[in-house]
C-alpha cells in the first residue's frame, strides 16, 4: 500500500532542497518520486525497517544515522549531516537529500 502523503520537498534560502519521507510504510515505495526529485541520499534517522537494495539499485545511497525519537541528534550525527550537505550540494547542485523518520514529527 502506498502512503498517500508521499515525500514532501523542503527548500530554504541556503539549501537546494531535501525531501522528508514521513511514512509509516517503506521509503523504497516512493523510489520513482525520489528519483523525480533528484534524491541522491536517504538518511534514515529511524530504526531500519526495510531493505535498501531497490534504492541502491536506483543510485540512491542509504545512510543509517538512527537516534531516539523526541531527542536531538548526537553531535556526530550533526557533524555527518553538515558534511553530507556541504559535499552533496557542492558536487551536484540541484540534487536532494531525503530524511526518513517514522512519523516525521519527533526528530
N, C-alpha and C. Protein backbone atom coordinates (compact mmCIF):
# COMPACT_ATOMS: atom_id res chain seq x y z
N UNK A 1 0.84 -1.18 0.00
CA UNK A 1 0.00 0.00 0.00
C UNK A 1 0.89 1.25 0.00
N UNK A 2 0.58 2.20 -0.81
CA UNK A 2 1.36 3.43 -0.92
C UNK A 2 0.80 4.48 0.02
N UNK A 3 1.71 5.20 0.67
CA UNK A 3 1.33 6.27 1.58
C UNK A 3 0.81 7.44 0.75
N UNK A 4 -0.43 7.88 0.92
CA UNK A 4 -0.97 8.97 0.10
C UNK A 4 -0.27 10.30 0.36
N UNK A 5 0.38 10.43 1.49
CA UNK A 5 1.08 11.68 1.77
C UNK A 5 2.34 11.80 0.93
N UNK A 6 3.04 10.69 0.73
CA UNK A 6 4.26 10.69 -0.07
C UNK A 6 5.32 11.60 0.50
N UNK A 7 6.45 11.70 -0.20
CA UNK A 7 7.52 12.59 0.25
C UNK A 7 7.13 14.05 0.07
N UNK A 8 7.71 14.90 0.89
CA UNK A 8 7.46 16.34 0.84
C UNK A 8 8.80 17.03 0.63
N UNK A 9 8.89 17.91 -0.36
CA UNK A 9 10.12 18.66 -0.61
C UNK A 9 10.15 19.92 0.23
N UNK A 10 11.31 20.18 0.82
CA UNK A 10 11.52 21.37 1.63
C UNK A 10 12.66 22.16 0.98
N UNK A 11 12.46 23.43 0.77
CA UNK A 11 13.50 24.28 0.20
C UNK A 11 13.70 25.50 1.10
N UNK A 12 14.95 25.94 1.20
CA UNK A 12 15.25 27.10 2.02
C UNK A 12 16.23 28.01 1.32
N UNK A 13 16.55 29.08 1.96
CA UNK A 13 17.43 30.09 1.37
C UNK A 13 18.81 29.53 1.05
N UNK A 14 19.36 28.70 1.94
CA UNK A 14 20.72 28.23 1.76
C UNK A 14 20.81 26.76 1.38
N UNK A 15 19.69 26.10 1.25
CA UNK A 15 19.69 24.68 0.92
C UNK A 15 18.96 24.49 -0.40
N UNK A 16 19.59 23.75 -1.29
CA UNK A 16 18.99 23.50 -2.60
C UNK A 16 17.68 22.75 -2.42
N UNK A 17 17.66 21.75 -1.58
CA UNK A 17 16.42 21.04 -1.32
C UNK A 17 16.66 19.73 -0.64
N UNK A 18 15.72 19.30 0.13
CA UNK A 18 15.74 17.95 0.65
C UNK A 18 14.32 17.47 0.80
N UNK A 19 14.18 16.19 0.93
CA UNK A 19 12.86 15.56 0.94
C UNK A 19 12.65 14.90 2.30
N UNK A 20 11.49 15.09 2.86
CA UNK A 20 11.12 14.40 4.09
C UNK A 20 10.22 13.23 3.76
N UNK A 21 10.64 12.04 4.14
CA UNK A 21 9.80 10.85 4.00
C UNK A 21 9.27 10.54 5.38
N UNK A 22 8.04 10.86 5.64
CA UNK A 22 7.48 10.61 6.96
C UNK A 22 6.39 9.55 6.85
N UNK A 23 6.78 8.43 6.33
CA UNK A 23 5.83 7.38 6.07
C UNK A 23 6.00 6.25 7.08
N UNK A 24 4.89 5.71 7.51
CA UNK A 24 4.95 4.51 8.32
C UNK A 24 5.25 3.31 7.44
N UNK A 25 5.14 3.52 6.12
CA UNK A 25 5.45 2.46 5.17
C UNK A 25 6.90 2.60 4.76
N UNK A 26 7.32 1.79 3.83
CA UNK A 26 8.72 1.79 3.42
C UNK A 26 9.03 2.91 2.46
N UNK A 27 10.14 3.59 2.72
CA UNK A 27 10.57 4.69 1.87
C UNK A 27 10.82 4.21 0.44
N UNK A 28 11.25 2.96 0.27
CA UNK A 28 11.53 2.45 -1.08
C UNK A 28 10.29 2.42 -1.95
N UNK A 29 9.11 2.48 -1.35
CA UNK A 29 7.88 2.50 -2.15
C UNK A 29 7.74 3.81 -2.91
N UNK A 30 8.54 4.80 -2.57
CA UNK A 30 8.49 6.10 -3.22
C UNK A 30 9.69 6.31 -4.14
N UNK A 31 10.32 5.23 -4.59
CA UNK A 31 11.55 5.33 -5.38
C UNK A 31 11.38 6.24 -6.59
N UNK A 32 10.33 6.07 -7.35
CA UNK A 32 10.13 6.90 -8.55
C UNK A 32 10.00 8.38 -8.19
N UNK A 33 9.28 8.65 -7.11
CA UNK A 33 9.12 10.05 -6.67
C UNK A 33 10.46 10.61 -6.21
N UNK A 34 11.25 9.82 -5.50
CA UNK A 34 12.56 10.27 -5.05
C UNK A 34 13.47 10.56 -6.24
N UNK A 35 13.43 9.69 -7.23
CA UNK A 35 14.25 9.91 -8.43
C UNK A 35 13.81 11.18 -9.16
N UNK A 36 12.51 11.40 -9.25
CA UNK A 36 11.97 12.59 -9.91
C UNK A 36 12.47 13.86 -9.23
N UNK A 37 12.64 13.79 -7.92
CA UNK A 37 13.10 14.95 -7.15
C UNK A 37 14.62 15.01 -7.03
N UNK A 38 15.31 14.14 -7.77
CA UNK A 38 16.77 14.09 -7.81
C UNK A 38 17.41 13.79 -6.46
N UNK A 39 16.78 12.90 -5.69
CA UNK A 39 17.34 12.48 -4.41
C UNK A 39 18.54 11.58 -4.66
N UNK A 40 19.64 11.89 -3.99
CA UNK A 40 20.88 11.11 -4.12
C UNK A 40 21.17 10.31 -2.86
N UNK A 41 20.63 10.75 -1.74
CA UNK A 41 20.87 10.08 -0.45
C UNK A 41 19.58 10.04 0.35
N UNK A 42 19.36 8.94 1.05
CA UNK A 42 18.29 8.85 2.05
C UNK A 42 18.98 8.64 3.39
N UNK A 43 18.71 9.55 4.31
CA UNK A 43 19.26 9.43 5.66
C UNK A 43 18.14 8.90 6.55
N UNK A 44 18.34 7.67 7.03
CA UNK A 44 17.33 7.08 7.93
C UNK A 44 17.73 7.44 9.35
N UNK A 45 16.88 8.20 10.02
CA UNK A 45 17.12 8.55 11.42
C UNK A 45 16.28 7.67 12.35
N UNK A 46 15.47 6.83 11.74
CA UNK A 46 14.65 5.88 12.49
C UNK A 46 15.28 4.49 12.42
N UNK A 47 14.71 3.59 13.14
CA UNK A 47 15.17 2.20 13.12
C UNK A 47 14.97 1.62 11.72
N UNK A 48 16.00 0.97 11.16
CA UNK A 48 15.85 0.37 9.82
C UNK A 48 14.76 -0.70 9.84
N UNK A 49 13.79 -0.54 8.95
CA UNK A 49 12.67 -1.50 8.89
C UNK A 49 12.48 -2.08 7.50
N UNK A 50 13.37 -1.75 6.57
CA UNK A 50 13.22 -2.23 5.20
C UNK A 50 14.58 -2.42 4.57
N UNK A 51 14.61 -3.23 3.55
CA UNK A 51 15.84 -3.47 2.80
C UNK A 51 16.09 -2.29 1.87
N UNK A 52 17.35 -2.02 1.60
CA UNK A 52 17.73 -0.85 0.83
C UNK A 52 18.11 -1.17 -0.61
N UNK A 53 18.07 -2.43 -1.00
CA UNK A 53 18.57 -2.83 -2.32
C UNK A 53 17.93 -2.06 -3.47
N UNK A 54 16.61 -1.86 -3.44
CA UNK A 54 15.93 -1.18 -4.54
C UNK A 54 16.41 0.26 -4.67
N UNK A 55 16.56 0.95 -3.54
CA UNK A 55 17.06 2.31 -3.57
C UNK A 55 18.48 2.35 -4.12
N UNK A 56 19.32 1.46 -3.63
CA UNK A 56 20.72 1.42 -4.07
C UNK A 56 20.80 1.11 -5.57
N UNK A 57 19.97 0.18 -6.04
CA UNK A 57 19.94 -0.14 -7.48
C UNK A 57 19.59 1.08 -8.32
N UNK A 58 18.83 1.99 -7.76
CA UNK A 58 18.41 3.20 -8.47
C UNK A 58 19.40 4.35 -8.28
N UNK A 59 20.54 4.06 -7.63
CA UNK A 59 21.57 5.08 -7.44
C UNK A 59 21.35 5.98 -6.25
N UNK A 60 20.51 5.55 -5.32
CA UNK A 60 20.23 6.33 -4.12
C UNK A 60 20.93 5.65 -2.94
N UNK A 61 21.85 6.39 -2.33
CA UNK A 61 22.61 5.87 -1.20
C UNK A 61 21.77 5.99 0.07
N UNK A 62 21.84 4.98 0.94
CA UNK A 62 21.10 5.00 2.21
C UNK A 62 22.10 5.05 3.35
N UNK A 63 21.93 6.05 4.22
CA UNK A 63 22.79 6.23 5.38
C UNK A 63 21.94 6.02 6.63
N UNK A 64 22.41 5.22 7.55
CA UNK A 64 21.68 4.96 8.80
C UNK A 64 22.30 5.77 9.93
N UNK A 65 21.62 6.84 10.31
CA UNK A 65 22.07 7.71 11.41
C UNK A 65 20.96 7.78 12.46
N UNK A 66 20.61 6.63 12.98
CA UNK A 66 19.50 6.49 13.91
C UNK A 66 19.78 7.20 15.23
N UNK A 67 18.75 7.85 15.75
CA UNK A 67 18.78 8.37 17.11
C UNK A 67 17.36 8.35 17.66
N UNK A 68 17.25 8.44 18.97
CA UNK A 68 15.96 8.28 19.65
C UNK A 68 14.99 9.40 19.29
N UNK A 69 13.76 9.00 19.01
CA UNK A 69 12.68 9.93 18.71
C UNK A 69 12.47 10.86 19.89
N UNK A 70 12.25 12.13 19.61
CA UNK A 70 12.00 13.12 20.66
C UNK A 70 13.26 13.70 21.26
N UNK A 71 14.41 13.25 20.78
CA UNK A 71 15.69 13.74 21.28
C UNK A 71 16.48 14.41 20.17
N UNK A 72 17.37 15.31 20.54
CA UNK A 72 18.22 15.90 19.49
C UNK A 72 19.22 14.87 19.00
N UNK A 73 19.71 15.02 17.79
CA UNK A 73 20.70 14.07 17.30
C UNK A 73 22.02 14.25 18.04
N UNK A 74 22.78 13.16 18.19
CA UNK A 74 24.10 13.28 18.81
C UNK A 74 25.01 14.15 17.95
N UNK A 75 26.06 14.69 18.54
CA UNK A 75 26.98 15.60 17.85
C UNK A 75 27.56 14.96 16.59
N UNK A 76 27.88 13.67 16.65
CA UNK A 76 28.47 13.02 15.46
C UNK A 76 27.48 12.96 14.30
N UNK A 77 26.19 12.81 14.59
CA UNK A 77 25.17 12.81 13.52
C UNK A 77 25.06 14.21 12.92
N UNK A 78 25.09 15.23 13.76
CA UNK A 78 25.04 16.61 13.27
C UNK A 78 26.24 16.89 12.38
N UNK A 79 27.43 16.48 12.82
CA UNK A 79 28.64 16.68 12.01
C UNK A 79 28.54 15.96 10.67
N UNK A 80 28.10 14.71 10.68
CA UNK A 80 27.95 13.94 9.45
C UNK A 80 26.91 14.58 8.53
N UNK A 81 25.83 15.10 9.12
CA UNK A 81 24.77 15.74 8.35
C UNK A 81 25.31 16.96 7.59
N UNK A 82 26.01 17.83 8.31
CA UNK A 82 26.55 19.03 7.66
C UNK A 82 27.61 18.67 6.62
N UNK A 83 28.42 17.67 6.89
CA UNK A 83 29.40 17.22 5.90
C UNK A 83 28.71 16.69 4.65
N UNK A 84 27.65 15.91 4.84
CA UNK A 84 26.90 15.38 3.71
C UNK A 84 26.32 16.51 2.86
N UNK A 85 25.65 17.47 3.50
CA UNK A 85 25.03 18.57 2.76
C UNK A 85 26.06 19.41 2.02
N UNK A 86 27.15 19.75 2.70
CA UNK A 86 28.18 20.56 2.04
C UNK A 86 28.75 19.84 0.82
N UNK A 87 29.06 18.57 0.99
CA UNK A 87 29.65 17.80 -0.10
C UNK A 87 28.65 17.57 -1.23
N UNK A 88 27.47 17.10 -0.88
CA UNK A 88 26.49 16.73 -1.90
C UNK A 88 26.06 17.93 -2.74
N UNK A 89 25.74 19.05 -2.09
CA UNK A 89 25.24 20.20 -2.84
C UNK A 89 26.35 20.90 -3.61
N UNK A 90 27.58 20.72 -3.18
CA UNK A 90 28.71 21.26 -3.93
C UNK A 90 28.97 20.41 -5.18
N UNK A 91 28.92 19.09 -5.02
CA UNK A 91 29.18 18.17 -6.13
C UNK A 91 28.04 18.15 -7.15
N UNK A 92 26.81 18.23 -6.66
CA UNK A 92 25.65 18.11 -7.54
C UNK A 92 24.59 19.16 -7.19
N UNK A 93 24.84 20.41 -7.56
CA UNK A 93 23.84 21.45 -7.28
C UNK A 93 22.48 21.05 -7.86
N UNK A 94 21.44 21.30 -7.09
CA UNK A 94 20.09 20.98 -7.55
C UNK A 94 19.61 19.60 -7.13
N UNK A 95 20.49 18.79 -6.56
CA UNK A 95 20.05 17.48 -6.10
C UNK A 95 19.36 17.62 -4.74
N UNK A 96 18.84 16.51 -4.24
CA UNK A 96 18.17 16.50 -2.94
C UNK A 96 18.72 15.40 -2.05
N UNK A 97 18.55 15.61 -0.76
CA UNK A 97 18.84 14.60 0.26
C UNK A 97 17.53 14.34 0.98
N UNK A 98 17.18 13.08 1.15
CA UNK A 98 15.94 12.72 1.84
C UNK A 98 16.23 12.33 3.27
N UNK A 99 15.32 12.67 4.15
CA UNK A 99 15.39 12.26 5.56
C UNK A 99 14.19 11.36 5.80
N UNK A 100 14.45 10.17 6.31
CA UNK A 100 13.36 9.25 6.60
C UNK A 100 13.26 9.01 8.09
N UNK A 101 12.15 9.44 8.66
CA UNK A 101 11.83 9.09 10.04
C UNK A 101 10.41 8.52 10.03
N UNK A 102 10.06 7.83 11.06
CA UNK A 102 8.81 7.09 11.05
C UNK A 102 7.59 8.00 10.94
N UNK A 103 7.49 8.98 11.81
CA UNK A 103 6.29 9.81 11.83
C UNK A 103 6.52 11.23 11.30
N UNK A 104 7.78 11.65 11.19
CA UNK A 104 8.07 12.98 10.69
C UNK A 104 7.81 14.07 11.72
N UNK A 105 7.70 13.71 12.98
CA UNK A 105 7.36 14.69 13.99
C UNK A 105 8.45 14.89 15.04
N UNK A 106 8.95 13.81 15.61
CA UNK A 106 9.78 13.91 16.81
C UNK A 106 11.26 14.08 16.59
N UNK A 107 11.74 13.91 15.36
CA UNK A 107 13.19 14.03 15.15
C UNK A 107 13.44 15.32 14.49
